[in-house]
Amino acid sequence: MPISGIVVTCGTGDADAVASRIGTMDGIEVQGVVPGDRIVAVIESDSVDGEVALFSRLHEVDGVQTVRLAYHNFEDME
């Protein structure tokens, strides 16, 4: 199962609202909101393709400016 750590950058003052929105999405666990309107989160899926799709969906959330990959682990994949 691939697991990735991500940083989501939001518009000014939008981070708390965006964190609430993305925290309800399956496969995303919000770890916290940090200064600079950024959110630290973990995403996981059953496949790399599923994880990429989830990563892409984040770009469509209102208030999200960028989504950056900070860490990716898929060593247990066949």
N, C-alpha and C. Protein backbone atom coordinates (compact mmCIF):
# COMPACT_ATOMS: atom_id res chain seq x y z
N MET A 1 0.84 -1.18 0.00
CA MET A 1 0.00 0.00 0.00
C MET A 1 0.89 1.24 0.00
N PRO A 2 0.77 2.08 -1.03
CA PRO A 2 1.56 3.31 -1.05
C PRO A 2 1.02 4.34 -0.06
N ILE A 3 1.95 5.01 0.59
CA ILE A 3 1.62 6.07 1.54
C ILE A 3 2.50 7.26 1.23
N SER A 4 1.90 8.45 1.21
CA SER A 4 2.67 9.66 0.92
C SER A 4 2.37 10.75 1.92
N GLY A 5 3.41 11.49 2.27
CA GLY A 5 3.26 12.71 3.04
C GLY A 5 3.20 13.87 2.07
N ILE A 6 2.24 14.76 2.25
CA ILE A 6 2.07 15.88 1.34
C ILE A 6 1.95 17.20 2.10
N VAL A 7 2.23 18.30 1.38
CA VAL A 7 2.02 19.64 1.91
C VAL A 7 1.09 20.35 0.93
N VAL A 8 -0.03 20.83 1.45
CA VAL A 8 -1.03 21.53 0.64
C VAL A 8 -0.93 23.01 0.98
N THR A 9 -0.70 23.85 -0.03
CA THR A 9 -0.65 25.30 0.17
C THR A 9 -1.99 25.88 -0.24
N CYS A 10 -2.52 26.75 0.61
CA CYS A 10 -3.85 27.33 0.40
C CYS A 10 -3.76 28.83 0.21
N GLY A 11 -4.88 29.41 -0.23
CA GLY A 11 -4.98 30.86 -0.30
C GLY A 11 -4.94 31.44 1.10
N THR A 12 -4.62 32.71 1.20
CA THR A 12 -4.51 33.38 2.48
C THR A 12 -5.78 33.22 3.31
N GLY A 13 -5.61 32.66 4.50
CA GLY A 13 -6.72 32.49 5.43
C GLY A 13 -7.62 31.30 5.14
N ASP A 14 -7.31 30.50 4.12
CA ASP A 14 -8.16 29.38 3.73
C ASP A 14 -7.77 28.03 4.35
N ALA A 15 -6.63 27.95 5.01
CA ALA A 15 -6.09 26.65 5.42
C ALA A 15 -7.02 25.86 6.34
N ASP A 16 -7.62 26.51 7.32
CA ASP A 16 -8.48 25.76 8.25
C ASP A 16 -9.71 25.19 7.54
N ALA A 17 -10.31 25.99 6.66
CA ALA A 17 -11.48 25.51 5.92
C ALA A 17 -11.10 24.39 4.96
N VAL A 18 -9.97 24.52 4.29
CA VAL A 18 -9.52 23.48 3.36
C VAL A 18 -9.19 22.21 4.13
N ALA A 19 -8.55 22.34 5.28
CA ALA A 19 -8.22 21.17 6.10
C ALA A 19 -9.49 20.42 6.49
N SER A 20 -10.53 21.16 6.81
CA SER A 20 -11.81 20.51 7.15
C SER A 20 -12.39 19.78 5.95
N ARG A 21 -12.29 20.40 4.77
CA ARG A 21 -12.83 19.77 3.55
C ARG A 21 -12.07 18.51 3.18
N ILE A 22 -10.74 18.60 3.13
CA ILE A 22 -9.98 17.44 2.67
C ILE A 22 -9.93 16.35 3.74
N GLY A 23 -10.12 16.73 5.00
CA GLY A 23 -10.13 15.74 6.08
C GLY A 23 -11.29 14.77 6.00
N THR A 24 -12.32 15.12 5.22
CA THR A 24 -13.47 14.22 5.05
C THR A 24 -13.30 13.28 3.87
N MET A 25 -12.26 13.48 3.07
CA MET A 25 -12.04 12.64 1.89
C MET A 25 -11.42 11.30 2.30
N ASP A 26 -11.91 10.21 1.69
CA ASP A 26 -11.34 8.89 1.95
C ASP A 26 -9.89 8.86 1.50
N GLY A 27 -9.03 8.30 2.35
CA GLY A 27 -7.62 8.14 2.00
C GLY A 27 -6.74 9.31 2.40
N ILE A 28 -7.32 10.33 3.04
CA ILE A 28 -6.54 11.50 3.45
C ILE A 28 -6.67 11.68 4.95
N GLU A 29 -5.54 11.84 5.61
CA GLU A 29 -5.52 12.13 7.05
C GLU A 29 -4.76 13.43 7.25
N VAL A 30 -5.45 14.47 7.67
CA VAL A 30 -4.81 15.76 7.93
C VAL A 30 -4.05 15.66 9.24
N GLN A 31 -2.78 16.04 9.20
CA GLN A 31 -1.93 16.01 10.39
C GLN A 31 -1.92 17.35 11.11
N GLY A 32 -2.13 18.43 10.35
CA GLY A 32 -2.16 19.74 10.98
C GLY A 32 -2.06 20.87 9.99
N VAL A 33 -2.37 22.06 10.49
CA VAL A 33 -2.23 23.29 9.72
C VAL A 33 -1.02 24.02 10.29
N VAL A 34 -0.13 24.45 9.41
CA VAL A 34 1.10 25.13 9.84
C VAL A 34 1.12 26.55 9.30
N PRO A 35 1.93 27.43 9.91
CA PRO A 35 1.98 28.82 9.44
C PRO A 35 2.27 28.91 7.94
N GLY A 36 1.74 29.94 7.34
CA GLY A 36 1.93 30.14 5.91
C GLY A 36 0.82 29.51 5.10
N ASP A 37 -0.33 29.25 5.74
CA ASP A 37 -1.49 28.68 5.05
C ASP A 37 -1.17 27.35 4.39
N ARG A 38 -0.49 26.49 5.13
CA ARG A 38 -0.13 25.16 4.64
C ARG A 38 -0.74 24.08 5.52
N ILE A 39 -1.02 22.96 4.90
CA ILE A 39 -1.59 21.80 5.58
C ILE A 39 -0.65 20.62 5.36
N VAL A 40 -0.36 19.90 6.42
CA VAL A 40 0.43 18.67 6.33
C VAL A 40 -0.56 17.52 6.43
N ALA A 41 -0.47 16.58 5.47
CA ALA A 41 -1.40 15.46 5.44
C ALA A 41 -0.71 14.20 4.94
N VAL A 42 -1.36 13.08 5.17
CA VAL A 42 -0.91 11.79 4.67
C VAL A 42 -2.01 11.24 3.77
N ILE A 43 -1.60 10.73 2.60
CA ILE A 43 -2.57 10.08 1.72
C ILE A 43 -2.14 8.64 1.51
N GLU A 44 -3.13 7.76 1.39
CA GLU A 44 -2.83 6.36 1.13
C GLU A 44 -3.94 5.74 0.28
N SER A 45 -3.55 4.75 -0.48
CA SER A 45 -4.47 4.07 -1.38
C SER A 45 -3.99 2.63 -1.56
N ASP A 46 -4.82 1.82 -2.21
CA ASP A 46 -4.43 0.43 -2.46
C ASP A 46 -3.42 0.29 -3.59
N SER A 47 -3.29 1.35 -4.42
CA SER A 47 -2.36 1.29 -5.55
C SER A 47 -1.75 2.66 -5.79
N VAL A 48 -0.66 2.68 -6.52
CA VAL A 48 -0.03 3.95 -6.88
C VAL A 48 -0.99 4.76 -7.76
N ASP A 49 -1.69 4.10 -8.68
CA ASP A 49 -2.66 4.81 -9.53
C ASP A 49 -3.76 5.47 -8.70
N GLY A 50 -4.24 4.77 -7.70
CA GLY A 50 -5.26 5.32 -6.82
C GLY A 50 -4.74 6.51 -6.04
N GLU A 51 -3.50 6.42 -5.62
CA GLU A 51 -2.89 7.53 -4.89
C GLU A 51 -2.70 8.75 -5.79
N VAL A 52 -2.27 8.52 -7.02
CA VAL A 52 -2.12 9.61 -7.97
C VAL A 52 -3.47 10.28 -8.25
N ALA A 53 -4.52 9.49 -8.36
CA ALA A 53 -5.87 10.04 -8.59
C ALA A 53 -6.30 10.90 -7.40
N LEU A 54 -6.02 10.44 -6.20
CA LEU A 54 -6.36 11.20 -5.00
C LEU A 54 -5.56 12.50 -4.94
N PHE A 55 -4.29 12.43 -5.25
CA PHE A 55 -3.42 13.60 -5.30
C PHE A 55 -3.99 14.62 -6.29
N SER A 56 -4.43 14.15 -7.45
CA SER A 56 -5.01 15.02 -8.48
C SER A 56 -6.32 15.65 -8.02
N ARG A 57 -7.16 14.87 -7.31
CA ARG A 57 -8.43 15.40 -6.79
C ARG A 57 -8.22 16.56 -5.83
N LEU A 58 -7.12 16.54 -5.10
CA LEU A 58 -6.84 17.62 -4.15
C LEU A 58 -6.71 18.96 -4.86
N HIS A 59 -6.18 18.95 -6.08
CA HIS A 59 -6.02 20.20 -6.83
C HIS A 59 -7.37 20.83 -7.18
N GLU A 60 -8.44 20.06 -7.13
CA GLU A 60 -9.77 20.55 -7.48
C GLU A 60 -10.53 21.12 -6.28
N VAL A 61 -9.98 20.97 -5.09
CA VAL A 61 -10.65 21.46 -3.87
C VAL A 61 -10.52 22.98 -3.82
N ASP A 62 -11.65 23.64 -3.59
CA ASP A 62 -11.67 25.10 -3.51
C ASP A 62 -10.73 25.59 -2.42
N GLY A 63 -9.85 26.51 -2.75
CA GLY A 63 -8.90 27.07 -1.80
C GLY A 63 -7.51 26.48 -1.89
N VAL A 64 -7.36 25.34 -2.58
CA VAL A 64 -6.05 24.71 -2.73
C VAL A 64 -5.29 25.39 -3.86
N GLN A 65 -4.06 25.81 -3.57
CA GLN A 65 -3.22 26.41 -4.60
C GLN A 65 -2.22 25.40 -5.15
N THR A 66 -1.53 24.69 -4.26
CA THR A 66 -0.57 23.68 -4.69
C THR A 66 -0.62 22.46 -3.77
N VAL A 67 -0.22 21.33 -4.31
CA VAL A 67 -0.06 20.10 -3.53
C VAL A 67 1.33 19.58 -3.85
N ARG A 68 2.15 19.43 -2.83
CA ARG A 68 3.52 18.97 -3.03
C ARG A 68 3.77 17.67 -2.29
N LEU A 69 4.48 16.78 -2.94
CA LEU A 69 4.86 15.51 -2.34
C LEU A 69 6.09 15.72 -1.47
N ALA A 70 6.01 15.31 -0.21
CA ALA A 70 7.15 15.43 0.70
C ALA A 70 7.81 14.06 0.95
N TYR A 71 7.01 12.98 0.87
CA TYR A 71 7.52 11.64 1.15
C TYR A 71 6.62 10.63 0.46
N HIS A 72 7.23 9.58 -0.10
CA HIS A 72 6.44 8.54 -0.73
C HIS A 72 7.04 7.18 -0.41
N ASN A 73 6.22 6.24 0.07
CA ASN A 73 6.68 4.90 0.40
C ASN A 73 5.78 3.90 -0.29
N PHE A 74 6.39 3.03 -1.08
CA PHE A 74 5.62 1.98 -1.75
C PHE A 74 6.41 0.69 -1.77
N GLU A 75 7.27 0.47 -0.79
CA GLU A 75 8.16 -0.68 -0.78
C GLU A 75 7.45 -2.02 -0.65
N ASP A 76 6.24 -2.05 -0.12
CA ASP A 76 5.55 -3.33 0.02
C ASP A 76 4.70 -3.68 -1.20
N MET A 77 4.84 -2.91 -2.29
CA MET A 77 4.10 -3.19 -3.52
C MET A 77 4.77 -4.34 -4.26
N GLU A 78 3.97 -5.14 -4.93
CA GLU A 78 4.52 -6.26 -5.72
C GLU A 78 5.09 -5.75 -7.00
